[in-house]
Protein backbone atom coordinates (compact mmCIF):
# COMPACT_ATOMS: atom_id res chain seq x y z
CA UNK A 1 -112.85 -83.31 50.14
CA UNK A 2 -112.26 -80.25 52.34
CA UNK A 3 -114.04 -78.06 49.77
CA UNK A 4 -117.30 -79.96 50.20
CA UNK A 5 -117.31 -78.98 53.91
CA UNK A 6 -116.36 -75.34 53.28
CA UNK A 7 -119.96 -74.09 53.57
CA UNK A 8 -120.00 -75.48 57.10
CA UNK A 9 -116.93 -73.45 58.06
CA UNK A 10 -118.37 -70.28 56.58
CA UNK A 11 -121.60 -70.44 58.59
CA UNK A 12 -122.18 -67.72 61.16
CA UNK A 13 -123.41 -69.67 64.16
CA UNK A 14 -124.37 -66.47 65.99
CA UNK A 15 -126.63 -65.37 63.15
CA UNK A 16 -128.08 -68.82 62.71
CA UNK A 17 -128.87 -69.15 66.42
CA UNK A 18 -130.21 -65.58 66.47
CA UNK A 19 -132.72 -66.51 63.76
CA UNK A 20 -134.24 -69.16 65.99
CA UNK A 21 -136.63 -67.82 68.56
CA UNK A 22 -136.86 -69.97 71.64
CA UNK A 23 -139.28 -68.66 74.24
CA UNK A 24 -137.41 -67.67 77.38
CA UNK A 25 -133.98 -68.33 75.88
CA UNK A 26 -131.52 -65.47 75.53
CA UNK A 27 -129.46 -66.62 72.55
CA UNK A 28 -127.31 -63.49 72.59
CA UNK A 29 -126.64 -64.02 76.29
CA UNK A 30 -125.66 -67.63 75.67
CA UNK A 31 -123.32 -66.61 72.87
CA UNK A 32 -121.75 -63.92 75.07
CA UNK A 33 -121.27 -66.50 77.81
CA UNK A 34 -119.57 -68.90 75.43
CA UNK A 35 -117.34 -66.09 74.15
CA UNK A 36 -116.29 -65.37 77.74
CA UNK A 37 -115.65 -69.08 78.32
CA UNK A 38 -113.37 -69.23 75.29
CA UNK A 39 -111.55 -66.09 76.41
CA UNK A 40 -111.00 -67.62 79.87
CA UNK A 41 -109.59 -70.81 78.35
CA UNK A 42 -107.31 -68.74 76.13
CA UNK A 43 -106.11 -66.72 79.13
CA UNK A 44 -105.48 -69.90 81.13
CA UNK A 45 -103.56 -71.42 78.20
CA UNK A 46 -101.49 -68.26 77.89
CA UNK A 47 -100.60 -68.38 81.60
CA UNK A 48 -99.73 -72.07 81.34
CA UNK A 49 -97.52 -71.45 78.30
CA UNK A 50 -95.76 -68.54 80.00
CA UNK A 51 -95.14 -70.76 83.01
CA UNK A 52 -93.76 -73.51 80.81
CA UNK A 53 -91.45 -71.04 79.09
CA UNK A 54 -90.24 -69.72 82.46
CA UNK A 55 -89.52 -73.28 83.64
CA UNK A 56 -87.64 -74.10 80.43
CA UNK A 57 -85.61 -70.90 80.72
CA UNK A 58 -84.76 -71.64 84.35
CA UNK A 59 -83.77 -75.21 83.47
CA UNK A 60 -81.41 -73.83 80.84
CA UNK A 61 -79.87 -71.48 83.41
CA UNK A 62 -79.48 -74.35 85.89
CA UNK A 63 -77.79 -76.51 83.24
CA UNK A 64 -75.35 -73.70 82.40
CA UNK A 65 -74.56 -73.12 86.09
CA UNK A 66 -74.14 -76.84 86.66
CA UNK A 67 -71.68 -77.19 83.81
CA UNK A 68 -69.65 -74.25 85.13
CA UNK A 69 -69.66 -75.72 88.64
CA UNK A 70 -68.61 -79.16 87.41
CA UNK A 71 -65.67 -77.63 85.59
CA UNK A 72 -64.62 -75.71 88.70
CA UNK A 73 -65.12 -78.77 90.92
CA UNK A 74 -62.90 -80.89 88.71
CA UNK A 75 -60.17 -78.25 88.84
CA UNK A 76 -60.49 -78.00 92.64
CA UNK A 77 -60.44 -81.75 93.06
CA UNK A 78 -57.33 -82.14 90.92
CA UNK A 79 -55.60 -79.37 92.87
CA UNK A 80 -56.08 -81.19 96.18
CA UNK A 81 -52.89 -82.78 97.49
CA UNK A 82 -53.04 -86.29 98.93
CA UNK A 83 -55.51 -89.00 97.91
CA UNK A 84 -57.23 -88.52 101.28
CA UNK A 85 -57.62 -84.80 100.58
CA UNK A 86 -59.07 -85.61 97.17
CA UNK A 87 -61.55 -88.10 98.68
CA UNK A 88 -62.63 -85.53 101.28
CA UNK A 89 -62.97 -82.88 98.60
CA UNK A 90 -64.92 -85.32 96.43
CA UNK A 91 -67.34 -86.08 99.30
CA UNK A 92 -67.87 -82.37 99.96
CA UNK A 93 -68.51 -81.72 96.28
CA UNK A 94 -71.03 -84.57 96.08
CA UNK A 95 -72.86 -83.26 99.13
CA UNK A 96 -72.99 -79.74 97.68
CA UNK A 97 -74.18 -81.04 94.31
CA UNK A 98 -76.90 -83.16 95.94
CA UNK A 99 -78.17 -80.23 98.03
CA UNK A 100 -78.19 -77.95 94.99
CA UNK A 101 -80.06 -80.55 92.94
CA UNK A 102 -82.74 -80.83 95.63
CA UNK A 103 -83.02 -77.06 95.79
CA UNK A 104 -83.35 -76.81 92.01
CA UNK A 105 -85.99 -79.55 91.95
CA UNK A 106 -87.94 -77.73 94.66
CA UNK A 107 -87.70 -74.48 92.70
CA UNK A 108 -88.96 -76.16 89.51
CA UNK A 109 -91.85 -77.77 91.37
CA UNK A 110 -92.82 -74.41 92.90
CA UNK A 111 -92.68 -72.68 89.51
CA UNK A 112 -94.87 -75.36 87.93
CA UNK A 113 -97.33 -75.29 90.85
CA UNK A 114 -97.58 -71.49 90.64
CA UNK A 115 -98.22 -71.61 86.91
CA UNK A 116 -100.88 -74.31 87.31
CA UNK A 117 -102.55 -72.40 90.14
CA UNK A 118 -102.71 -69.18 88.12
CA UNK A 119 -104.25 -70.97 85.14
CA UNK A 120 -106.73 -72.84 87.35
CA UNK A 121 -107.76 -69.60 89.07
CA UNK A 122 -108.73 -68.08 85.72
CA UNK A 123 -110.90 -71.09 84.89
CA UNK A 124 -112.36 -71.21 88.41
CA UNK A 125 -113.29 -67.53 88.28
CA UNK A 126 -114.96 -68.05 84.91
CA UNK A 127 -116.94 -71.04 86.19
CA UNK A 128 -118.21 -68.90 89.08
CA UNK A 129 -119.15 -66.08 86.69
CA UNK A 130 -120.80 -68.60 84.40
CA UNK A 131 -122.97 -69.94 87.21
CA UNK A 132 -124.03 -66.40 88.12
CA UNK A 133 -124.87 -65.70 84.49
CA UNK A 134 -126.99 -68.84 84.32
CA UNK A 135 -128.84 -67.79 87.48
CA UNK A 136 -129.47 -64.38 85.91
CA UNK A 137 -130.78 -65.94 82.72
CA UNK A 138 -133.04 -68.26 84.70
CA UNK A 139 -134.49 -65.29 86.64
CA UNK A 140 -134.99 -63.33 83.43
CA UNK A 141 -136.79 -66.27 81.84
CA UNK A 142 -139.39 -66.37 84.64
């Protein structure tokens, strides 16, 4: 079934569109614009993927640190003397863990926001360029 559509995949859209002559329409310019649009989307996707990888790497580091801290906390808690000392130590450890969790969540949110902003800026810049290109084509068509 795929073979019957193969001629469609092998078509050169640029050549086909170039063969058509539309008065006042710059086919090459349109194709160049679309090429730039695709490049901008690819760049934005690359930035988003890099951001995702950075977040995943940081989450792995946080998990490793957390496991090490839990191990140390358990040793410290067991070393405390009286039950009251253990309860106080336990409360301190919970407070520290809660504060660290909030800090880590904030860091992750900032990393994700930064990645999203960088990707959106690439697309936004391309949209602005695209609008300027359209204005230029409209002026040239007059």
